[in-house]
């Protein structure tokens, strides 16, 4: 992990509970998961809007199949 810088924010209580459960199950640190999630989110937002729209449509249309494959 690159050098980290502290910052403060607020998060919905239900999301924080899920995050804490997730990091415990994965044996990871909250900061690592938040950094990864934000990086992925920002990268996704950089993708051209037309491509993003088409990609989301394909993912939505195949959500059940993708979920089964993930198991």
PDB file of N, CA and C in Angstrom:
ATOM      1  N   UNK A   1       0.845  -1.178   0.000  1.00  0.00           N
ATOM      2  CA  UNK A   1       0.000   0.000   0.000  1.00  0.00           C
ATOM      3  C   UNK A   1       0.889   1.239   0.000  1.00  0.00           C
ATOM      4  N   UNK A   2       0.516   2.217  -0.797  1.00  0.00           N
ATOM      5  CA  UNK A   2       1.255   3.475  -0.850  1.00  0.00           C
ATOM      6  C   UNK A   2       1.052   4.248   0.449  1.00  0.00           C
ATOM      7  N   UNK A   3       1.825   5.294   0.617  1.00  0.00           N
ATOM      8  CA  UNK A   3       1.697   6.130   1.811  1.00  0.00           C
ATOM      9  C   UNK A   3       0.256   6.608   1.942  1.00  0.00           C
ATOM     10  N   UNK A   4      -0.275   6.496   3.133  1.00  0.00           N
ATOM     11  CA  UNK A   4      -1.671   6.856   3.375  1.00  0.00           C
ATOM     12  C   UNK A   4      -1.757   8.194   4.104  1.00  0.00           C
ATOM     13  N   UNK A   5      -2.865   8.852   3.904  1.00  0.00           N
ATOM     14  CA  UNK A   5      -3.126  10.132   4.551  1.00  0.00           C
ATOM     15  C   UNK A   5      -4.480  10.027   5.249  1.00  0.00           C
ATOM     16  N   UNK A   6      -4.552  10.486   6.483  1.00  0.00           N
ATOM     17  CA  UNK A   6      -5.795  10.415   7.242  1.00  0.00           C
ATOM     18  C   UNK A   6      -6.804  11.431   6.727  1.00  0.00           C
ATOM     19  N   UNK A   7      -8.074  11.030   6.778  1.00  0.00           N
ATOM     20  CA  UNK A   7      -9.167  11.960   6.508  1.00  0.00           C
ATOM     21  C   UNK A   7     -10.389  11.439   7.263  1.00  0.00           C
ATOM     22  N   UNK A   8     -11.328  12.316   7.494  1.00  0.00           N
ATOM     23  CA  UNK A   8     -12.532  11.937   8.233  1.00  0.00           C
ATOM     24  C   UNK A   8     -13.749  12.129   7.340  1.00  0.00           C
ATOM     25  N   UNK A   9     -14.716  11.257   7.507  1.00  0.00           N
ATOM     26  CA  UNK A   9     -15.971  11.367   6.769  1.00  0.00           C
ATOM     27  C   UNK A   9     -17.062  10.697   7.591  1.00  0.00           C
ATOM     28  N   UNK A  10     -18.247  10.731   7.084  1.00  0.00           N
ATOM     29  CA  UNK A  10     -19.358  10.058   7.744  1.00  0.00           C
ATOM     30  C   UNK A  10     -19.903   9.008   6.796  1.00  0.00           C
ATOM     31  N   UNK A  11     -20.482   7.966   7.384  1.00  0.00           N
ATOM     32  CA  UNK A  11     -21.017   6.860   6.594  1.00  0.00           C
ATOM     33  C   UNK A  11     -22.289   6.381   7.288  1.00  0.00           C
ATOM     34  N   UNK A  12     -23.225   5.916   6.501  1.00  0.00           N
ATOM     35  CA  UNK A  12     -24.463   5.395   7.082  1.00  0.00           C
ATOM     36  C   UNK A  12     -24.136   4.236   8.022  1.00  0.00           C
ATOM     37  N   UNK A  13     -24.846   4.169   9.119  1.00  0.00           N
ATOM     38  CA  UNK A  13     -24.570   3.152  10.133  1.00  0.00           C
ATOM     39  C   UNK A  13     -24.680   1.734   9.570  1.00  0.00           C
ATOM     40  N   UNK A  14     -25.681   1.496   8.732  1.00  0.00           N
ATOM     41  CA  UNK A  14     -25.865   0.149   8.178  1.00  0.00           C
ATOM     42  C   UNK A  14     -24.698  -0.236   7.264  1.00  0.00           C
ATOM     43  N   UNK A  15     -24.184   0.724   6.512  1.00  0.00           N
ATOM     44  CA  UNK A  15     -23.051   0.457   5.630  1.00  0.00           C
ATOM     45  C   UNK A  15     -21.807   0.178   6.459  1.00  0.00           C
ATOM     46  N   UNK A  16     -21.623   0.942   7.519  1.00  0.00           N
ATOM     47  CA  UNK A  16     -20.466   0.731   8.397  1.00  0.00           C
ATOM     48  C   UNK A  16     -20.517  -0.647   9.045  1.00  0.00           C
ATOM     49  N   UNK A  17     -21.688  -1.080   9.459  1.00  0.00           N
ATOM     50  CA  UNK A  17     -21.824  -2.418  10.052  1.00  0.00           C
ATOM     51  C   UNK A  17     -21.428  -3.496   9.048  1.00  0.00           C
ATOM     52  N   UNK A  18     -21.909  -3.356   7.806  1.00  0.00           N
ATOM     53  CA  UNK A  18     -21.559  -4.323   6.759  1.00  0.00           C
ATOM     54  C   UNK A  18     -20.064  -4.283   6.466  1.00  0.00           C
ATOM     55  N   UNK A  19     -19.491  -3.103   6.440  1.00  0.00           N
ATOM     56  CA  UNK A  19     -18.057  -2.959   6.195  1.00  0.00           C
ATOM     57  C   UNK A  19     -17.250  -3.647   7.283  1.00  0.00           C
ATOM     58  N   UNK A  20     -17.616  -3.427   8.533  1.00  0.00           N
ATOM     59  CA  UNK A  20     -16.892  -4.049   9.648  1.00  0.00           C
ATOM     60  C   UNK A  20     -17.005  -5.570   9.596  1.00  0.00           C
ATOM     61  N   UNK A  21     -18.191  -6.071   9.236  1.00  0.00           N
ATOM     62  CA  UNK A  21     -18.375  -7.518   9.117  1.00  0.00           C
ATOM     63  C   UNK A  21     -17.502  -8.056   7.976  1.00  0.00           C
ATOM     64  N   UNK A  22     -17.484  -7.342   6.863  1.00  0.00           N
ATOM     65  CA  UNK A  22     -16.711  -7.766   5.700  1.00  0.00           C
ATOM     66  C   UNK A  22     -15.215  -7.816   6.004  1.00  0.00           C
ATOM     67  N   UNK A  23     -14.678  -6.745   6.608  1.00  0.00           N
ATOM     68  CA  UNK A  23     -13.230  -6.720   6.859  1.00  0.00           C
ATOM     69  C   UNK A  23     -12.822  -7.793   7.860  1.00  0.00           C
ATOM     70  N   UNK A  24     -13.715  -8.089   8.785  1.00  0.00           N
ATOM     71  CA  UNK A  24     -13.412  -9.157   9.746  1.00  0.00           C
ATOM     72  C   UNK A  24     -13.352 -10.513   9.035  1.00  0.00           C
ATOM     73  N   UNK A  25     -14.325 -10.770   8.153  1.00  0.00           N
ATOM     74  CA  UNK A  25     -14.358 -12.033   7.413  1.00  0.00           C
ATOM     75  C   UNK A  25     -13.154 -12.166   6.481  1.00  0.00           C
ATOM     76  N   UNK A  26     -12.742 -11.065   5.883  1.00  0.00           N
ATOM     77  CA  UNK A  26     -11.650 -11.073   4.913  1.00  0.00           C
ATOM     78  C   UNK A  26     -10.285 -10.871   5.555  1.00  0.00           C
ATOM     79  N   UNK A  27     -10.264 -10.607   6.856  1.00  0.00           N
ATOM     80  CA  UNK A  27      -9.028 -10.320   7.595  1.00  0.00           C
ATOM     81  C   UNK A  27      -8.246  -9.186   6.918  1.00  0.00           C
ATOM     82  N   UNK A  28      -8.959  -8.092   6.692  1.00  0.00           N
ATOM     83  CA  UNK A  28      -8.371  -6.914   6.058  1.00  0.00           C
ATOM     84  C   UNK A  28      -8.631  -5.695   6.927  1.00  0.00           C
ATOM     85  N   UNK A  29      -7.986  -4.612   6.606  1.00  0.00           N
ATOM     86  CA  UNK A  29      -8.194  -3.361   7.321  1.00  0.00           C
ATOM     87  C   UNK A  29      -9.230  -2.528   6.590  1.00  0.00           C
ATOM     88  N   UNK A  30     -10.011  -1.775   7.376  1.00  0.00           N
ATOM     89  CA  UNK A  30     -11.026  -0.901   6.790  1.00  0.00           C
ATOM     90  C   UNK A  30     -10.393   0.047   5.782  1.00  0.00           C
ATOM     91  N   UNK A  31      -9.261   0.621   6.126  1.00  0.00           N
ATOM     92  CA  UNK A  31      -8.628   1.598   5.233  1.00  0.00           C
ATOM     93  C   UNK A  31      -8.278   0.971   3.885  1.00  0.00           C
ATOM     94  N   UNK A  32      -7.836  -0.275   3.886  1.00  0.00           N
ATOM     95  CA  UNK A  32      -7.485  -0.944   2.632  1.00  0.00           C
ATOM     96  C   UNK A  32      -8.723  -1.181   1.770  1.00  0.00           C
ATOM     97  N   UNK A  33      -9.807  -1.603   2.395  1.00  0.00           N
ATOM     98  CA  UNK A  33     -11.043  -1.866   1.653  1.00  0.00           C
ATOM     99  C   UNK A  33     -11.635  -0.564   1.117  1.00  0.00           C
ATOM    100  N   UNK A  34     -11.634   0.480   1.936  1.00  0.00           N
ATOM    101  CA  UNK A  34     -12.167   1.772   1.495  1.00  0.00           C
ATOM    102  C   UNK A  34     -11.322   2.326   0.351  1.00  0.00           C
ATOM    103  N   UNK A  35     -10.006   2.236   0.463  1.00  0.00           N
ATOM    104  CA  UNK A  35      -9.123   2.710  -0.601  1.00  0.00           C
ATOM    105  C   UNK A  35      -9.394   1.953  -1.897  1.00  0.00           C
ATOM    106  N   UNK A  36      -9.510   0.631  -1.812  1.00  0.00           N
ATOM    107  CA  UNK A  36      -9.785  -0.184  -2.996  1.00  0.00           C
ATOM    108  C   UNK A  36     -11.138   0.180  -3.608  1.00  0.00           C
ATOM    109  N   UNK A  37     -12.147   0.313  -2.761  1.00  0.00           N
ATOM    110  CA  UNK A  37     -13.491   0.624  -3.252  1.00  0.00           C
ATOM    111  C   UNK A  37     -13.535   1.995  -3.918  1.00  0.00           C
ATOM    112  N   UNK A  38     -12.907   2.981  -3.312  1.00  0.00           N
ATOM    113  CA  UNK A  38     -12.897   4.323  -3.897  1.00  0.00           C
ATOM    114  C   UNK A  38     -12.100   4.357  -5.196  1.00  0.00           C
ATOM    115  N   UNK A  39     -10.997   3.646  -5.243  1.00  0.00           N
ATOM    116  CA  UNK A  39     -10.198   3.580  -6.472  1.00  0.00           C
ATOM    117  C   UNK A  39     -11.002   2.962  -7.609  1.00  0.00           C
ATOM    118  N   UNK A  40     -11.693   1.860  -7.317  1.00  0.00           N
ATOM    119  CA  UNK A  40     -12.519   1.210  -8.328  1.00  0.00           C
ATOM    120  C   UNK A  40     -13.651   2.130  -8.778  1.00  0.00           C
ATOM    121  N   UNK A  41     -14.271   2.821  -7.834  1.00  0.00           N
ATOM    122  CA  UNK A  41     -15.361   3.741  -8.157  1.00  0.00           C
ATOM    123  C   UNK A  41     -14.864   4.863  -9.059  1.00  0.00           C
ATOM    124  N   UNK A  42     -13.740   5.467  -8.705  1.00  0.00           N
ATOM    125  CA  UNK A  42     -13.196   6.568  -9.496  1.00  0.00           C
ATOM    126  C   UNK A  42     -12.778   6.106 -10.879  1.00  0.00           C
ATOM    127  N   UNK A  43     -12.162   4.922 -10.971  1.00  0.00           N
ATOM    128  CA  UNK A  43     -11.788   4.376 -12.273  1.00  0.00           C
ATOM    129  C   UNK A  43     -13.023   4.143 -13.142  1.00  0.00           C
ATOM    130  N   UNK A  44     -14.065   3.620 -12.523  1.00  0.00           N
ATOM    131  CA  UNK A  44     -15.307   3.348 -13.245  1.00  0.00           C
ATOM    132  C   UNK A  44     -15.918   4.641 -13.772  1.00  0.00           C
ATOM    133  N   UNK A  45     -15.852   5.697 -12.992  1.00  0.00           N
ATOM    134  CA  UNK A  45     -16.439   6.980 -13.395  1.00  0.00           C
ATOM    135  C   UNK A  45     -15.679   7.628 -14.557  1.00  0.00           C
ATOM    136  N   UNK A  46     -14.439   7.217 -14.774  1.00  0.00           N
ATOM    137  CA  UNK A  46     -13.631   7.778 -15.860  1.00  0.00           C
ATOM    138  C   UNK A  46     -13.996   7.182 -17.213  1.00  0.00           C
ATOM    139  N   UNK A  47     -14.649   6.040 -17.205  1.00  0.00           N
ATOM    140  CA  UNK A  47     -15.007   5.354 -18.436  1.00  0.00           C
ATOM    141  C   UNK A  47     -16.034   6.205 -19.196  1.00  0.00           C
ATOM    142  N   UNK A  48     -15.891   6.248 -20.495  1.00  0.00           N
ATOM    143  CA  UNK A  48     -16.810   7.050 -21.312  1.00  0.00           C
ATOM    144  C   UNK A  48     -18.259   6.710 -20.990  1.00  0.00           C
ATOM    145  N   UNK A  49     -19.109   7.733 -20.880  1.00  0.00           N
ATOM    146  CA  UNK A  49     -20.515   7.507 -20.506  1.00  0.00           C
ATOM    147  C   UNK A  49     -21.248   6.511 -21.402  1.00  0.00           C
ATOM    148  N   UNK A  50     -21.041   6.538 -22.707  1.00  0.00           N
ATOM    149  CA  UNK A  50     -21.752   5.609 -23.594  1.00  0.00           C
ATOM    150  C   UNK A  50     -21.339   4.169 -23.317  1.00  0.00           C
ATOM    151  N   UNK A  51     -20.039   3.957 -23.105  1.00  0.00           N
ATOM    152  CA  UNK A  51     -19.560   2.612 -22.801  1.00  0.00           C
ATOM    153  C   UNK A  51     -20.100   2.171 -21.444  1.00  0.00           C
ATOM    154  N   UNK A  52     -20.058   3.075 -20.473  1.00  0.00           N
ATOM    155  CA  UNK A  52     -20.539   2.752 -19.131  1.00  0.00           C
ATOM    156  C   UNK A  52     -22.012   2.356 -19.177  1.00  0.00           C
ATOM    157  N   UNK A  53     -22.796   3.089 -19.950  1.00  0.00           N
ATOM    158  CA  UNK A  53     -24.216   2.787 -20.074  1.00  0.00           C
ATOM    159  C   UNK A  53     -24.427   1.401 -20.675  1.00  0.00           C
ATOM    160  N   UNK A  54     -23.702   1.093 -21.732  1.00  0.00           N
ATOM    161  CA  UNK A  54     -23.815  -0.224 -22.377  1.00  0.00           C
ATOM    162  C   UNK A  54     -23.354  -1.331 -21.432  1.00  0.00           C
ATOM    163  N   UNK A  55     -22.270  -1.077 -20.714  1.00  0.00           N
ATOM    164  CA  UNK A  55     -21.747  -2.066 -19.773  1.00  0.00           C
ATOM    165  C   UNK A  55     -22.760  -2.333 -18.660  1.00  0.00           C
ATOM    166  N   UNK A  56     -23.342  -1.280 -18.115  1.00  0.00           N
ATOM    167  CA  UNK A  56     -24.334  -1.444 -17.053  1.00  0.00           C
ATOM    168  C   UNK A  56     -25.557  -2.214 -17.541  1.00  0.00           C
ATOM    169  N   UNK A  57     -25.953  -1.972 -18.781  1.00  0.00           N
ATOM    170  CA  UNK A  57     -27.090  -2.686 -19.347  1.00  0.00           C
ATOM    171  C   UNK A  57     -26.796  -4.183 -19.449  1.00  0.00           C
ATOM    172  N   UNK A  58     -25.607  -4.519 -19.908  1.00  0.00           N
ATOM    173  CA  UNK A  58     -25.218  -5.930 -20.017  1.00  0.00           C
ATOM    174  C   UNK A  58     -25.146  -6.562 -18.630  1.00  0.00           C
ATOM    175  N   UNK A  59     -24.559  -5.853 -17.674  1.00  0.00           N
ATOM    176  CA  UNK A  59     -24.467  -6.387 -16.311  1.00  0.00           C
ATOM    177  C   UNK A  59     -25.851  -6.580 -15.700  1.00  0.00           C
ATOM    178  N   UNK A  60     -26.746  -5.624 -15.908  1.00  0.00           N
ATOM    179  CA  UNK A  60     -28.107  -5.755 -15.385  1.00  0.00           C
ATOM    180  C   UNK A  60     -28.839  -6.914 -16.040  1.00  0.00           C
ATOM    181  N   UNK A  61     -28.694  -7.032 -17.357  1.00  0.00           N
ATOM    182  CA  UNK A  61     -29.380  -8.103 -18.079  1.00  0.00           C
ATOM    183  C   UNK A  61     -28.891  -9.484 -17.660  1.00  0.00           C
ATOM    184  N   UNK A  62     -27.655  -9.579 -17.205  1.00  0.00           N
ATOM    185  CA  UNK A  62     -27.056 -10.870 -16.866  1.00  0.00           C
ATOM    186  C   UNK A  62     -26.734 -11.002 -15.382  1.00  0.00           C
ATOM    187  N   UNK A  63     -27.382 -10.220 -14.551  1.00  0.00           N
ATOM    188  CA  UNK A  63     -27.074 -10.195 -13.118  1.00  0.00           C
ATOM    189  C   UNK A  63     -27.216 -11.575 -12.473  1.00  0.00           C
ATOM    190  N   UNK A  64     -28.299 -12.284 -12.805  1.00  0.00           N
ATOM    191  CA  UNK A  64     -28.525 -13.598 -12.198  1.00  0.00           C
ATOM    192  C   UNK A  64     -27.417 -14.581 -12.590  1.00  0.00           C
ATOM    193  N   UNK A  65     -27.063 -14.598 -13.849  1.00  0.00           N
ATOM    194  CA  UNK A  65     -26.016 -15.483 -14.330  1.00  0.00           C
ATOM    195  C   UNK A  65     -24.674 -15.135 -13.670  1.00  0.00           C
ATOM    196  N   UNK A  66     -24.349 -13.848 -13.614  1.00  0.00           N
ATOM    197  CA  UNK A  66     -23.096 -13.428 -13.000  1.00  0.00           C
ATOM    198  C   UNK A  66     -23.042 -13.802 -11.528  1.00  0.00           C
ATOM    199  N   UNK A  67     -24.170 -13.672 -10.854  1.00  0.00           N
ATOM    200  CA  UNK A  67     -24.226 -14.037  -9.437  1.00  0.00           C
ATOM    201  C   UNK A  67     -23.983 -15.524  -9.252  1.00  0.00           C
ATOM    202  N   UNK A  68     -24.591 -16.337 -10.108  1.00  0.00           N
ATOM    203  CA  UNK A  68     -24.376 -17.790 -10.025  1.00  0.00           C
ATOM    204  C   UNK A  68     -22.939 -18.149 -10.325  1.00  0.00           C
ATOM    205  N   UNK A  69     -22.323 -17.469 -11.300  1.00  0.00           N
ATOM    206  CA  UNK A  69     -20.917 -17.729 -11.627  1.00  0.00           C
ATOM    207  C   UNK A  69     -19.984 -17.328 -10.491  1.00  0.00           C
ATOM    208  N   UNK A  70     -20.356 -16.316  -9.755  1.00  0.00           N
ATOM    209  CA  UNK A  70     -19.528 -15.845  -8.653  1.00  0.00           C
ATOM    210  C   UNK A  70     -19.469 -16.844  -7.499  1.00  0.00           C
ATOM    211  N   UNK A  71     -20.496 -17.705  -7.423  1.00  0.00           N
ATOM    212  CA  UNK A  71     -20.534 -18.695  -6.344  1.00  0.00           C
ATOM    213  C   UNK A  71     -19.675 -19.825  -6.699  1.00  0.00           C
TER     214      UNK A  71
END
